Protein backbone atom coordinates (compact mmCIF):
# COMPACT_ATOMS: atom_id res chain seq x y z
CA UNK A 1 59.84 -40.53 -15.35
CA UNK A 2 63.16 -41.15 -17.20
CA UNK A 3 63.62 -40.46 -20.86
CA UNK A 4 65.15 -43.84 -21.48
CA UNK A 5 64.13 -47.33 -20.43
CA UNK A 6 65.87 -50.72 -20.79
CA UNK A 7 63.51 -53.22 -22.19
CA UNK A 8 65.81 -56.09 -20.90
CA UNK A 9 69.25 -56.97 -19.87
CA UNK A 10 71.36 -56.21 -22.85
CA UNK A 11 68.37 -55.40 -24.98
CA UNK A 12 67.44 -52.22 -26.80
CA UNK A 13 66.95 -48.93 -25.03
CA UNK A 14 64.02 -46.58 -25.64
CA UNK A 15 63.33 -42.98 -25.23
CA UNK A 16 60.03 -41.16 -24.55
CA UNK A 17 58.67 -39.28 -27.56
CA UNK A 18 55.11 -38.35 -26.43
CA UNK A 19 51.74 -39.67 -25.41
CA UNK A 20 49.08 -41.34 -27.45
CA UNK A 21 45.39 -40.33 -27.76
CA UNK A 22 44.77 -42.40 -24.46
CA UNK A 23 47.35 -40.71 -22.44
CA UNK A 24 49.85 -43.57 -22.49
CA UNK A 25 53.60 -42.82 -23.16
CA UNK A 26 55.05 -43.62 -26.51
CA UNK A 27 58.81 -44.68 -26.96
CA UNK A 28 61.24 -45.21 -29.75
CA UNK A 29 64.59 -47.03 -29.88
CA UNK A 30 67.66 -45.14 -29.23
CA UNK A 31 70.32 -45.43 -32.34
CA UNK A 32 73.32 -47.83 -31.86
CA UNK A 33 76.00 -45.19 -31.75
CA UNK A 34 74.14 -43.56 -28.82
CA UNK A 35 73.80 -46.76 -27.04
CA UNK A 36 77.43 -47.42 -27.26
CA UNK A 37 78.15 -44.18 -25.69
CA UNK A 38 75.57 -44.47 -22.91
CA UNK A 39 75.36 -48.10 -22.15
CA UNK A 40 76.18 -48.74 -18.57
CA UNK A 41 77.02 -52.07 -17.11
CA UNK A 42 76.52 -51.91 -13.33
CA UNK A 43 78.67 -55.06 -12.92
CA UNK A 44 81.61 -53.96 -14.95
CA UNK A 45 84.71 -53.97 -12.98
CA UNK A 46 83.26 -56.22 -10.35
CA UNK A 47 84.70 -59.62 -10.33
CA UNK A 48 82.44 -61.13 -7.75
CA UNK A 49 85.26 -63.56 -6.98
CA UNK A 50 86.04 -64.06 -10.68
CA UNK A 51 82.62 -65.34 -11.40
CA UNK A 52 80.06 -63.69 -13.54
CA UNK A 53 76.84 -65.40 -13.70
CA UNK A 54 75.87 -63.62 -16.92
CA UNK A 55 79.27 -64.41 -18.56
CA UNK A 56 79.40 -66.96 -21.19
CA UNK A 57 82.55 -68.29 -19.57
CA UNK A 58 80.65 -69.00 -16.42
CA UNK A 59 78.33 -71.30 -18.48
CA UNK A 60 80.84 -72.92 -20.77
CA UNK A 61 84.46 -74.14 -20.27
CA UNK A 62 87.17 -72.36 -21.92
CA UNK A 63 88.20 -73.51 -25.42
CA UNK A 64 91.57 -74.78 -25.82
CA UNK A 65 91.76 -72.82 -28.96
CA UNK A 66 91.44 -69.61 -27.29
CA UNK A 67 93.45 -66.93 -29.00
CA UNK A 68 92.88 -64.42 -26.28
CA UNK A 69 90.06 -62.58 -28.00
CA UNK A 70 86.66 -63.31 -26.62
CA UNK A 71 83.75 -63.47 -28.89
CA UNK A 72 80.21 -63.38 -27.72
CA UNK A 73 78.25 -66.36 -28.38
CA UNK A 74 75.55 -64.42 -30.06
CA UNK A 75 74.94 -61.16 -31.57
CA UNK A 76 72.88 -58.62 -29.59
CA UNK A 77 71.72 -56.95 -32.58
CA UNK A 78 72.68 -53.45 -31.39
CA UNK A 79 76.43 -53.44 -30.62
CA UNK A 80 79.56 -54.96 -32.17
CA UNK A 81 81.84 -57.29 -30.19
CA UNK A 82 83.93 -55.48 -27.69
CA UNK A 83 87.46 -56.56 -26.81
CA UNK A 84 87.97 -56.73 -23.23
CA UNK A 85 90.74 -57.67 -20.70
CA UNK A 86 90.50 -59.46 -17.44
CA UNK A 87 89.83 -56.19 -15.53
CA UNK A 88 87.08 -55.16 -17.87
CA UNK A 89 85.28 -58.13 -19.20
CA UNK A 90 82.86 -57.68 -22.03
CA UNK A 91 79.27 -56.81 -20.92
CA UNK A 92 77.23 -60.09 -21.02
CA UNK A 93 74.32 -59.56 -23.37
CA UNK A 94 70.99 -61.35 -23.28
CA UNK A 95 68.26 -60.34 -25.56
CA UNK A 96 64.91 -61.77 -24.53
CA UNK A 97 63.61 -61.08 -27.96
CA UNK A 98 66.24 -63.10 -29.60
CA UNK A 99 64.80 -66.27 -30.76
CA UNK A 100 68.15 -68.14 -30.95
CA UNK A 101 68.53 -68.00 -27.23
CA UNK A 102 72.00 -68.36 -25.44
CA UNK A 103 72.66 -71.65 -27.22
CA UNK A 104 72.98 -69.78 -30.56
CA UNK A 105 70.50 -72.06 -32.23
CA UNK A 106 67.65 -70.22 -33.96
CA UNK A 107 64.55 -72.43 -34.47
CA UNK A 108 63.68 -70.79 -37.59
CA UNK A 109 66.96 -71.61 -39.26
CA UNK A 110 68.68 -68.35 -38.47
CA UNK A 111 72.31 -68.72 -37.27
CA UNK A 112 73.34 -67.28 -34.04
CA UNK A 113 76.18 -65.33 -35.54
CA UNK A 114 73.97 -63.67 -38.05
CA UNK A 115 72.01 -61.84 -35.15
CA UNK A 116 68.82 -60.11 -35.52
CA UNK A 117 68.11 -57.67 -38.37
CA UNK A 118 68.81 -54.27 -37.08
CA UNK A 119 65.63 -52.14 -36.36
CA UNK A 120 64.68 -48.85 -38.06
CA UNK A 121 65.92 -46.04 -35.96
CA UNK A 122 62.55 -44.06 -36.13
CA UNK A 123 60.40 -47.10 -35.41
CA UNK A 124 58.43 -46.41 -32.15
CA UNK A 125 56.81 -48.96 -29.86
CA UNK A 126 55.18 -49.20 -26.57
CA UNK A 127 57.32 -50.04 -23.65
CA UNK A 128 57.24 -53.78 -22.53
CA UNK A 129 55.52 -54.59 -19.39
CA UNK A 130 58.66 -55.98 -17.69
CA UNK A 131 61.18 -54.01 -15.96
CA UNK A 132 64.84 -54.06 -16.50
CA UNK A 133 67.59 -53.59 -14.29
CA UNK A 134 67.57 -50.46 -11.98
CA UNK A 135 69.94 -47.78 -13.16
CA UNK A 136 70.70 -44.27 -12.30
CA UNK A 137 68.65 -41.70 -14.18
CA UNK A 138 70.61 -40.60 -17.22
CA UNK A 139 71.37 -36.98 -17.84
CA UNK A 140 69.15 -35.35 -20.46
CA UNK A 141 70.80 -34.85 -23.82
CA UNK A 142 71.15 -31.09 -24.99
CA UNK A 143 68.07 -29.78 -26.42
CA UNK A 144 65.70 -32.40 -24.72
CA UNK A 145 63.49 -31.81 -21.79
CA UNK A 146 64.12 -33.42 -18.42
CA UNK A 147 60.80 -35.12 -17.54
CA UNK A 148 60.34 -36.19 -13.97
CA UNK A 149 57.89 -38.57 -12.38
CA UNK A 150 56.29 -35.86 -10.17
CA UNK A 151 55.41 -33.82 -13.20
CA UNK A 152 52.88 -36.30 -14.32
CA UNK A 153 51.22 -36.78 -10.98
CA UNK A 154 47.99 -35.20 -12.16
CA UNK A 155 45.69 -36.58 -9.49
CA UNK A 156 46.23 -35.52 -5.90
CA UNK A 157 44.84 -37.34 -2.81
CA UNK A 158 42.14 -35.47 -1.04
CA UNK A 159 43.14 -33.56 1.89
CA UNK A 160 40.83 -32.98 4.75
CA UNK A 161 42.46 -29.52 5.48
CA UNK A 162 42.02 -28.36 2.04
CA UNK A 163 38.31 -29.28 2.09
CA UNK A 164 37.96 -27.11 5.16
CA UNK A 165 39.69 -24.28 3.57
CA UNK A 166 37.52 -24.55 0.46
CA UNK A 167 34.26 -24.68 2.57
CA UNK A 168 35.39 -21.53 4.54
CA UNK A 169 36.24 -19.72 1.36
CA UNK A 170 32.69 -20.57 -0.05
CA UNK A 171 31.16 -19.42 3.13
CA UNK A 172 33.06 -16.24 3.30
CA UNK A 173 32.16 -15.51 -0.41
CA UNK A 174 28.47 -16.28 -0.02
CA UNK A 175 28.27 -14.17 3.15
CA UNK A 176 29.92 -11.24 1.30
CA UNK A 177 27.69 -11.61 -1.56
CA UNK A 178 24.54 -11.69 0.76
CA UNK A 179 25.86 -8.51 2.42
CA UNK A 180 26.38 -6.75 -0.95
CA UNK A 181 22.81 -7.95 -2.16
CA UNK A 182 21.33 -6.62 1.08
CA UNK A 183 22.98 -3.26 0.58
CA UNK A 184 21.82 -3.07 -3.04
CA UNK A 185 18.40 -3.77 -1.97
CA UNK A 186 18.38 -1.26 0.72
CA UNK A 187 19.66 1.39 -1.78
CA UNK A 188 16.93 0.54 -4.08
CA UNK A 189 14.23 0.71 -1.53
CA UNK A 190 15.42 4.08 -0.22
CA UNK A 191 15.62 5.52 -3.87
CA UNK A 192 12.00 4.09 -4.47
CA UNK A 193 10.66 5.70 -1.19
CA UNK A 194 12.34 9.10 -1.95
CA UNK A 195 10.65 9.01 -5.46
CA UNK A 196 7.20 8.08 -4.09
CA UNK A 197 7.47 10.73 -1.43
CA UNK A 198 8.47 13.34 -4.08
CA UNK A 199 5.45 12.29 -6.38
CA UNK A 200 3.13 12.55 -3.43
CA UNK A 201 4.29 16.04 -2.34
CA UNK A 202 4.13 17.14 -6.01
CA UNK A 203 0.69 15.84 -6.39
CA UNK A 204 -0.55 17.14 -3.13
CA UNK A 205 0.91 20.62 -3.86
CA UNK A 206 -0.83 20.46 -7.54
CA UNK A 207 -4.25 19.46 -5.97
CA UNK A 208 -4.03 22.19 -3.40
CA UNK A 209 -3.13 24.63 -6.17
CA UNK A 210 -5.96 23.40 -8.46
CA UNK A 211 -8.39 23.55 -5.52
CA UNK A 212 -7.29 27.09 -4.47
CA UNK A 213 -6.21 25.93 -1.03
CA UNK A 214 -2.56 26.90 -0.96
CA UNK A 215 -1.74 29.64 1.60
CA UNK A 216 -1.60 33.15 0.01
CA UNK A 217 -3.80 31.80 -2.96
CA UNK A 218 -7.50 31.67 -3.50
CA UNK A 219 -9.79 30.23 -6.16
CA UNK A 220 -11.79 33.29 -6.04
CA UNK A 221 -8.88 35.61 -7.03
CA UNK A 222 -8.31 36.22 -10.55
CA UNK A 223 -4.93 36.00 -12.28
CA UNK A 224 -4.59 39.69 -12.10
CA UNK A 225 -4.85 39.66 -8.25
CA UNK A 226 -8.48 41.02 -8.16
CA UNK A 227 -11.24 39.21 -6.39
CA UNK A 228 -14.34 38.12 -8.28
CA UNK A 229 -17.43 40.05 -6.87
CA UNK A 230 -20.18 37.96 -5.21
CA UNK A 231 -22.54 38.89 -7.94
CA UNK A 232 -20.22 37.82 -10.80
CA UNK A 233 -19.41 34.37 -9.31
CA UNK A 234 -21.10 31.49 -10.91
CA UNK A 235 -23.62 29.21 -8.86
CA UNK A 236 -25.73 26.33 -9.48
CA UNK A 237 -28.93 26.24 -7.13
CA UNK A 238 -31.60 23.65 -6.55
CA UNK A 239 -34.43 24.02 -4.10
CA UNK A 240 -35.52 21.03 -2.13
CA UNK A 241 -38.90 20.73 -0.31
CA UNK A 242 -39.14 18.03 2.52
CA UNK A 243 -42.82 16.97 2.88
CA UNK A 244 -43.52 15.32 6.12
CA UNK A 245 -46.21 12.83 5.05
CA UNK A 246 -46.82 11.45 8.54
CA UNK A 247 -47.11 14.86 10.70
CA UNK A 248 -47.67 17.42 8.03
CA UNK A 249 -45.80 20.47 7.17
CA UNK A 250 -42.84 21.16 4.86
CA UNK A 251 -39.38 22.28 5.16
CA UNK A 252 -37.42 24.17 2.38
CA UNK A 253 -33.86 24.70 1.72
CA UNK A 254 -31.56 25.77 -1.09
CA UNK A 255 -28.67 23.68 -2.22
CA UNK A 256 -25.93 26.01 -3.57
CA UNK A 257 -22.69 25.02 -5.56
CA UNK A 258 -20.40 28.04 -6.08
CA UNK A 259 -18.23 26.89 -8.88
CA UNK A 260 -16.15 30.02 -8.75
CA UNK A 261 -15.01 29.62 -5.14
CA UNK A 262 -15.53 25.93 -5.00
CA UNK A 263 -17.90 26.32 -1.89
CA UNK A 264 -21.03 24.39 -1.18
CA UNK A 265 -23.75 25.60 1.03
CA UNK A 266 -27.34 24.74 2.21
CA UNK A 267 -29.63 27.71 2.87
CA UNK A 268 -32.47 27.13 5.12
CA UNK A 269 -35.55 29.10 4.34
CA UNK A 270 -38.21 29.71 7.22
CA UNK A 271 -41.87 29.01 6.31
CA UNK A 272 -42.71 32.57 7.43
CA UNK A 273 -40.70 33.94 4.43
CA UNK A 274 -42.98 36.46 2.68
CA UNK A 275 -43.56 35.82 -1.12
CA UNK A 276 -45.42 37.78 -3.75
CA UNK A 277 -47.97 35.57 -5.43
CA UNK A 278 -48.89 35.46 -9.12
CA UNK A 279 -51.74 37.77 -8.56
CA UNK A 280 -49.72 40.33 -6.66
CA UNK A 281 -50.86 39.54 -3.31
CA UNK A 282 -48.47 38.48 -0.41
CA UNK A 283 -48.36 34.89 0.72
CA UNK A 284 -45.75 32.81 2.76
CA UNK A 285 -43.30 30.23 1.59
CA UNK A 286 -45.32 27.58 3.36
CA UNK A 287 -48.48 28.40 1.61
CA UNK A 288 -46.68 28.69 -1.78
CA UNK A 289 -45.26 25.18 -1.26
CA UNK A 290 -48.66 23.81 -0.41
CA UNK A 291 -50.41 25.59 -3.27
CA UNK A 292 -47.85 24.99 -6.02
CA UNK A 293 -44.42 23.78 -4.70
CA UNK A 294 -42.81 23.89 -8.04
CA UNK A 295 -42.42 26.53 -10.79
CA UNK A 296 -44.70 29.01 -9.02
CA UNK A 297 -42.68 28.85 -5.79
CA UNK A 298 -39.35 28.73 -7.47
CA UNK A 299 -40.27 31.93 -9.45
CA UNK A 300 -41.34 33.53 -6.28
CA UNK A 301 -38.23 32.64 -4.44
CA UNK A 302 -36.08 34.10 -7.47
CA UNK A 303 -38.02 37.38 -7.19
CA UNK A 304 -37.54 37.66 -3.39
CA UNK A 305 -33.83 36.41 -3.22
CA UNK A 306 -32.54 37.54 -6.53
CA UNK A 307 -31.36 34.14 -7.49
CA UNK A 308 -31.63 31.86 -10.47
CA UNK A 309 -33.07 28.41 -9.10
CA UNK A 310 -32.32 25.73 -11.83
CA UNK A 311 -34.67 22.98 -10.41
CA UNK A 312 -36.97 21.78 -7.82
CA UNK A 313 -36.50 18.51 -5.84
CA UNK A 314 -39.49 17.33 -3.92
CA UNK A 315 -38.35 14.92 -1.07
CA UNK A 316 -41.03 13.34 0.83
CA UNK A 317 -40.06 11.66 4.15
CA UNK A 318 -40.32 7.99 2.99
CA UNK A 319 -37.71 8.96 0.20
CA UNK A 320 -35.33 10.58 2.69
CA UNK A 321 -35.56 7.43 4.70
CA UNK A 322 -34.49 5.35 1.76
CA UNK A 323 -31.90 7.78 0.66
CA UNK A 324 -30.27 7.57 4.12
CA UNK A 325 -30.28 3.82 3.91
CA UNK A 326 -28.79 3.85 0.51
CA UNK A 327 -25.77 5.92 1.53
CA UNK A 328 -25.22 3.70 4.55
CA UNK A 329 -26.61 5.75 7.38
CA UNK A 330 -25.18 9.16 8.46
CA UNK A 331 -23.17 10.54 11.42
CA UNK A 332 -24.12 13.92 12.85
CA UNK A 333 -24.14 15.72 16.27
CA UNK A 334 -27.64 15.75 17.67
CA UNK A 335 -29.11 18.64 19.96
CA UNK A 336 -32.13 16.83 21.38
CA UNK A 337 -33.55 13.45 22.29
CA UNK A 338 -36.12 12.40 19.78
CA UNK A 339 -38.81 9.90 20.78
CA UNK A 340 -39.86 7.10 18.56
CA UNK A 341 -43.07 8.14 16.78
CA UNK A 342 -44.13 4.48 16.79
CA UNK A 343 -43.64 4.00 20.51
CA UNK A 344 -46.79 2.84 22.29
CA UNK A 345 -45.75 3.90 25.80
CA UNK A 346 -44.38 7.02 26.95
CA UNK A 347 -40.93 7.14 28.60
CA UNK A 348 -39.62 4.58 26.28
CA UNK A 349 -35.96 4.84 25.04
CA UNK A 350 -35.68 7.60 22.58
CA UNK A 351 -35.13 6.76 18.95
CA UNK A 352 -32.36 9.43 18.73
CA UNK A 353 -30.12 10.28 21.49
CA UNK A 354 -28.64 13.71 22.10
CA UNK A 355 -24.83 13.74 21.71
CA UNK A 356 -21.91 14.09 19.31
CA UNK A 357 -21.26 11.83 16.26
CA UNK A 358 -24.43 9.92 16.56
CA UNK A 359 -25.10 7.38 13.81
CA UNK A 360 -28.73 7.55 12.43
CA UNK A 361 -30.40 5.13 10.11
CA UNK A 362 -33.19 6.02 7.80
CA UNK A 363 -36.04 6.07 10.22
CA UNK A 364 -33.99 7.91 12.87
CA UNK A 365 -32.76 10.54 10.40
CA UNK A 366 -36.43 11.35 9.34
CA UNK A 367 -37.55 11.57 13.01
CA UNK A 368 -34.70 13.90 13.75
CA UNK A 369 -35.15 16.12 10.63
CA UNK A 370 -38.97 16.64 11.32
CA UNK A 371 -38.68 16.85 15.01
CA UNK A 372 -39.75 20.21 16.76
CA UNK A 373 -39.72 20.22 20.58
CA UNK A 374 -42.32 21.78 22.83
CA UNK A 375 -41.94 25.46 22.80
CA UNK A 376 -39.39 25.46 19.96
CA UNK A 377 -39.63 27.77 16.90
CA UNK A 378 -39.83 26.39 13.52
CA UNK A 379 -36.31 27.40 12.80
CA UNK A 380 -35.01 24.81 15.39
CA UNK A 381 -36.54 21.93 13.29
CA UNK A 382 -35.36 23.65 10.06
CA UNK A 383 -31.69 23.44 11.37
CA UNK A 384 -32.08 19.70 12.21
CA UNK A 385 -33.30 19.18 8.53
CA UNK A 386 -30.21 21.04 7.33
CA UNK A 387 -27.92 18.75 9.55
CA UNK A 388 -29.47 15.59 7.98
CA UNK A 389 -29.03 16.87 4.50
CA UNK A 390 -25.37 17.77 5.03
CA UNK A 391 -24.73 14.17 6.62
CA UNK A 392 -26.33 12.57 3.46
CA UNK A 393 -24.06 14.60 1.25
CA UNK A 394 -20.93 13.47 3.26
CA UNK A 395 -22.02 9.84 2.53
CA UNK A 396 -23.09 10.22 -0.91
CA UNK A 397 -20.74 9.12 -3.77
CA UNK A 398 -18.56 11.94 -5.55
CA UNK A 399 -18.86 9.99 -8.73
CA UNK A 400 -21.63 11.45 -10.97
CA UNK A 401 -22.56 8.02 -12.43
CA UNK A 402 -22.73 6.45 -9.06
CA UNK A 403 -24.81 9.37 -7.46
CA UNK A 404 -27.28 9.18 -10.49
CA UNK A 405 -27.82 5.45 -9.69
CA UNK A 406 -28.68 6.35 -6.22
CA UNK A 407 -31.14 8.93 -7.31
CA UNK A 408 -32.61 6.44 -9.88
CA UNK A 409 -32.95 3.87 -6.96
CA UNK A 410 -35.11 6.17 -5.02
CA UNK A 411 -37.79 5.77 -7.91
CA UNK A 412 -39.20 9.28 -7.39
CA UNK A 413 -41.14 11.24 -9.82
CA UNK A 414 -39.14 14.38 -10.21
CA UNK A 415 -40.00 17.73 -11.27
CA UNK A 416 -39.69 18.29 -15.00
CA UNK A 417 -37.13 20.92 -14.35
CA UNK A 418 -34.69 18.34 -12.96
CA UNK A 419 -33.87 14.94 -14.46
CA UNK A 420 -32.14 11.98 -12.75
CA UNK A 421 -28.81 12.71 -14.42
CA UNK A 422 -28.89 16.32 -13.57
CA UNK A 423 -29.81 15.81 -9.93
CA UNK A 424 -27.23 13.10 -9.63
CA UNK A 425 -24.45 15.13 -11.19
CA UNK A 426 -25.30 18.07 -9.08
CA UNK A 427 -25.31 16.08 -5.75
CA UNK A 428 -22.02 14.48 -6.69
CA UNK A 429 -20.43 17.88 -6.84
CA UNK A 430 -21.84 19.04 -3.57
CA UNK A 431 -20.84 15.61 -1.89
CA UNK A 432 -17.25 16.12 -2.99
CA UNK A 433 -17.32 19.64 -1.37
CA UNK A 434 -18.87 18.28 1.75
CA UNK A 435 -16.21 15.41 2.07
CA UNK A 436 -13.49 17.94 1.66
CA UNK A 437 -14.73 20.33 4.36
CA UNK A 438 -15.93 23.11 1.90
CA UNK A 439 -19.46 22.99 2.90
CA UNK A 440 -21.53 25.02 5.31
CA UNK A 441 -25.17 25.45 6.42
CA UNK A 442 -26.75 28.85 6.94
CA UNK A 443 -30.22 29.92 8.04
CA UNK A 444 -31.81 32.89 6.19
CA UNK A 445 -32.63 35.59 8.84
CA UNK A 446 -36.21 36.62 8.48
CA UNK A 447 -38.32 39.29 10.32
CA UNK A 448 -41.34 38.59 12.31
CA UNK A 449 -43.50 39.88 9.36
CA UNK A 450 -41.60 37.46 7.02
CA UNK A 451 -39.62 40.24 5.26
CA UNK A 452 -35.99 40.49 4.85
CA UNK A 453 -33.64 43.38 5.87
CA UNK A 454 -30.67 44.44 3.90
CA UNK A 455 -28.59 44.49 7.01
CA UNK A 456 -29.48 40.92 8.37
CA UNK A 457 -29.80 39.06 5.21
CA UNK A 458 -26.81 40.49 3.23
CA UNK A 459 -24.33 37.70 4.69
CA UNK A 460 -26.65 34.99 3.11
CA UNK A 461 -28.52 36.67 0.20
CA UNK A 462 -25.48 38.68 -1.03
CA UNK A 463 -22.57 36.48 -0.14
CA UNK A 464 -23.89 33.00 -0.59
CA UNK A 465 -26.78 33.41 -3.12
CA UNK A 466 -25.25 36.53 -4.92
CA UNK A 467 -28.43 38.15 -5.06
CA UNK A 468 -30.45 41.19 -3.65
CA UNK A 469 -33.36 41.00 -1.12
CA UNK A 470 -36.71 42.14 -2.47
CA UNK A 471 -39.21 41.55 0.10
CA UNK A 472 -43.06 42.43 -0.78
CA UNK A 473 -44.09 46.06 0.05
CA UNK A 474 -45.38 46.53 3.59
CA UNK A 475 -49.22 46.89 3.94
CA UNK A 476 -50.11 44.45 1.11
CA UNK A 477 -51.44 41.97 3.54
CA UNK A 478 -52.35 41.85 7.20
CA UNK A 479 -49.58 40.42 9.21
CA UNK A 480 -50.84 38.10 11.94
CA UNK A 481 -48.49 36.69 14.80
CA UNK A 482 -49.76 33.51 16.43
CA UNK A 483 -48.54 32.24 19.91
CA UNK A 484 -49.78 28.75 20.88
CA UNK A 485 -51.04 28.44 24.56
CA UNK A 486 -53.38 25.35 24.02
CA UNK A 487 -50.74 22.68 25.03
CA UNK A 488 -51.05 20.96 21.76
CA UNK A 489 -48.23 21.93 19.39
CA UNK A 490 -49.90 20.89 16.07
CA UNK A 491 -52.56 23.73 16.61
CA UNK A 492 -49.92 26.36 15.46
CA UNK A 493 -49.61 24.67 12.09
CA UNK A 494 -53.33 24.29 11.80
CA UNK A 495 -53.97 27.84 12.60
CA UNK A 496 -51.17 28.87 10.16
CA UNK A 497 -52.88 26.94 7.32
CA UNK A 498 -56.21 28.49 7.96
CA UNK A 499 -54.70 32.11 8.08
CA UNK A 500 -52.54 31.64 5.02
CA UNK A 501 -55.55 30.31 3.22
CA UNK A 502 -57.42 33.40 4.24
CA UNK A 503 -54.91 35.74 2.70
CA UNK A 504 -53.14 36.73 5.74
CA UNK A 505 -49.41 36.76 6.42
CA UNK A 506 -48.62 34.29 9.09
CA UNK A 507 -45.90 35.18 11.72
CA UNK A 508 -44.63 32.47 13.96
CA UNK A 509 -45.03 33.72 17.70
CA UNK A 510 -43.74 30.68 19.24
CA UNK A 511 -45.14 28.52 22.18
CA UNK A 512 -46.23 29.88 25.46
CA UNK A 513 -44.60 28.63 28.61
CA UNK A 514 -47.91 27.61 30.14
CA UNK A 515 -51.50 26.98 28.79
CA UNK A 516 -54.36 29.50 28.67
CA UNK A 517 -58.01 28.58 29.10
CA UNK A 518 -59.36 31.23 26.57
CA UNK A 519 -57.89 32.68 23.33
CA UNK A 520 -57.08 36.31 22.65
CA UNK A 521 -56.88 38.47 19.61
CA UNK A 522 -55.06 41.91 20.12
CA UNK A 523 -54.77 44.90 17.84
CA UNK A 524 -52.62 48.15 18.68
CA UNK A 525 -54.75 50.75 16.85
CA UNK A 526 -58.32 51.60 15.80
CA UNK A 527 -57.41 51.10 12.17
CA UNK A 528 -56.62 47.38 12.90
CA UNK A 529 -59.62 46.64 14.87
CA UNK A 530 -61.64 45.56 11.90
CA UNK A 531 -58.74 43.37 10.86
CA UNK A 532 -58.65 41.73 14.25
CA UNK A 533 -62.34 41.06 14.11
CA UNK A 534 -61.83 39.23 10.69
CA UNK A 535 -58.99 37.34 12.05
CA UNK A 536 -60.95 36.03 14.90
CA UNK A 537 -63.78 35.02 12.70
CA UNK A 538 -61.14 33.13 10.42
CA UNK A 539 -59.94 31.07 13.32
CA UNK A 540 -63.44 30.47 14.69
CA UNK A 541 -63.04 32.56 17.69
CA UNK A 542 -65.64 34.54 19.42
CA UNK A 543 -65.92 38.28 18.84
CA UNK A 544 -65.45 38.94 22.55
CA UNK A 545 -61.87 37.64 22.29
CA UNK A 546 -60.89 40.67 20.38
CA UNK A 547 -59.32 43.33 22.34
CA UNK A 548 -56.91 46.26 22.17
CA UNK A 549 -53.38 45.48 23.54
CA UNK A 550 -49.69 44.96 22.84
CA UNK A 551 -48.83 43.54 19.46
CA UNK A 552 -45.67 41.73 18.47
CA UNK A 553 -43.10 43.32 16.54
CA UNK A 554 -43.78 43.53 12.66
CA UNK A 555 -47.42 42.33 13.26
CA UNK A 556 -50.63 43.99 12.72
CA UNK A 557 -52.55 41.54 14.75
CA UNK A 558 -51.55 39.21 17.59
CA UNK A 559 -53.28 36.00 18.47
CA UNK A 560 -52.83 33.83 21.59
CA UNK A 561 -54.46 30.58 21.18
CA UNK A 562 -56.08 29.11 24.14
CA UNK A 563 -57.63 25.70 25.03
CA UNK A 564 -61.06 26.99 23.67
CA UNK A 565 -59.50 26.97 20.15
CA UNK A 566 -61.19 24.29 18.13
CA UNK A 567 -59.23 23.82 14.92
CA UNK A 568 -62.12 21.65 13.34
CA UNK A 569 -64.52 24.54 13.74
CA UNK A 570 -62.24 26.89 11.79
């Protein structure tokens, strides 16, 4: 855009001074002296055949009084008359804003010669909306900026290629940002995983250290490197008596929590274990449980085993069934097929099948815990009871509060020595050890006469219980070994009850491979003949059944029950 603009032919010229608040250009008139220097007539010097359509001479005839000096018919208001020659005629002027017009007559009374009043040099105005004659762009004056039209082309036409480039740049930028974000997320996940693994490793090592399971370390070792003796280790012991309310008989076990070594154990006690009664006589564990089963039996076991039993838990078979169902069944390895006690026909499918990892419900667990096969010793049944107890502990909650609720749900009448809370807390500790693999079951080895030997019982009495075996003195009671050849397995238990009640020490002789018609009572020496005769009377046998013969190890008198044995008559 040029700095100057002609408003009309022969009119004032304007120069650009700026833009208003609406973006429109603002102009001002150029002073007269500047116009005289810069006015350019495109028609100067061009005769056009001697005719100038804009010349005053072309419109009016020559005056006869022409003195050779041409005077413009009207004043342009910007420049003085210019003398010209034939070669350079004066520039014809026509002011569209002059009211006088070309005739020199002003409608408002102004004369043509007077011209318009000169305008103030600093007055500004907007450019008129009519275009003047085309002229060459003027050179900018010194000190002024040369504004060009292309400098004000603010809005560009949209270009399809530029849009494609912008889209590609946006796509590339977004793709790069996504890649960077994915890398940052991968790094964050890697760092989080490393932190979690480190915490797990530290926690695992700490737990193993606390539990004393780290290689080279043991919870039983003192800080000085010495091992705590078995007698100095702290143990919590509870005795549990299982009463078979359906088939009769009892089974006894000790539940041991060694708080020093963090080891749990179940010690199975045979019914033939010899105990010392309150009156000083010798009795058996089975008879003691039947007679007392509480504080008396607990004290007798403390004397024989050198332990400190804290409480007694009587567990009848119906409560054992409920307990198994409360913990959600148990999983154990069974060693025999157990028939259903409620089966009406023989040969029906067994209630418990022999095999590994068998799931037993309440009824099946009770049947397995009390099962004693034909010809089996009482220890076989006792070991099955131990399996069931350990299976229950593995399923019982390790939380003391939850275990206490389970005990309370049984609604048992417990021994005064053991409250619901005490029993629940104790069982929760054993459950935690059983789940961690720090639990074992052991059978107390007992001689045929029910006594303990220091050699055979040291691994249980000393190591597990931390006590010393103190069996009753020999000869305090007549020891009777009984073997069942009647074909009825319950006859052994009935004979045991009769003998124990008679003051004899009962020794389990097992079951014969076949049946025998008549019973037999044997003694080894003349001193035992009288005792053998008394045993026969106690069992309801004839005196003719008494004879001298081989006697089982550890027994004073041996009895073989035949089919003539009538438990009801004893």
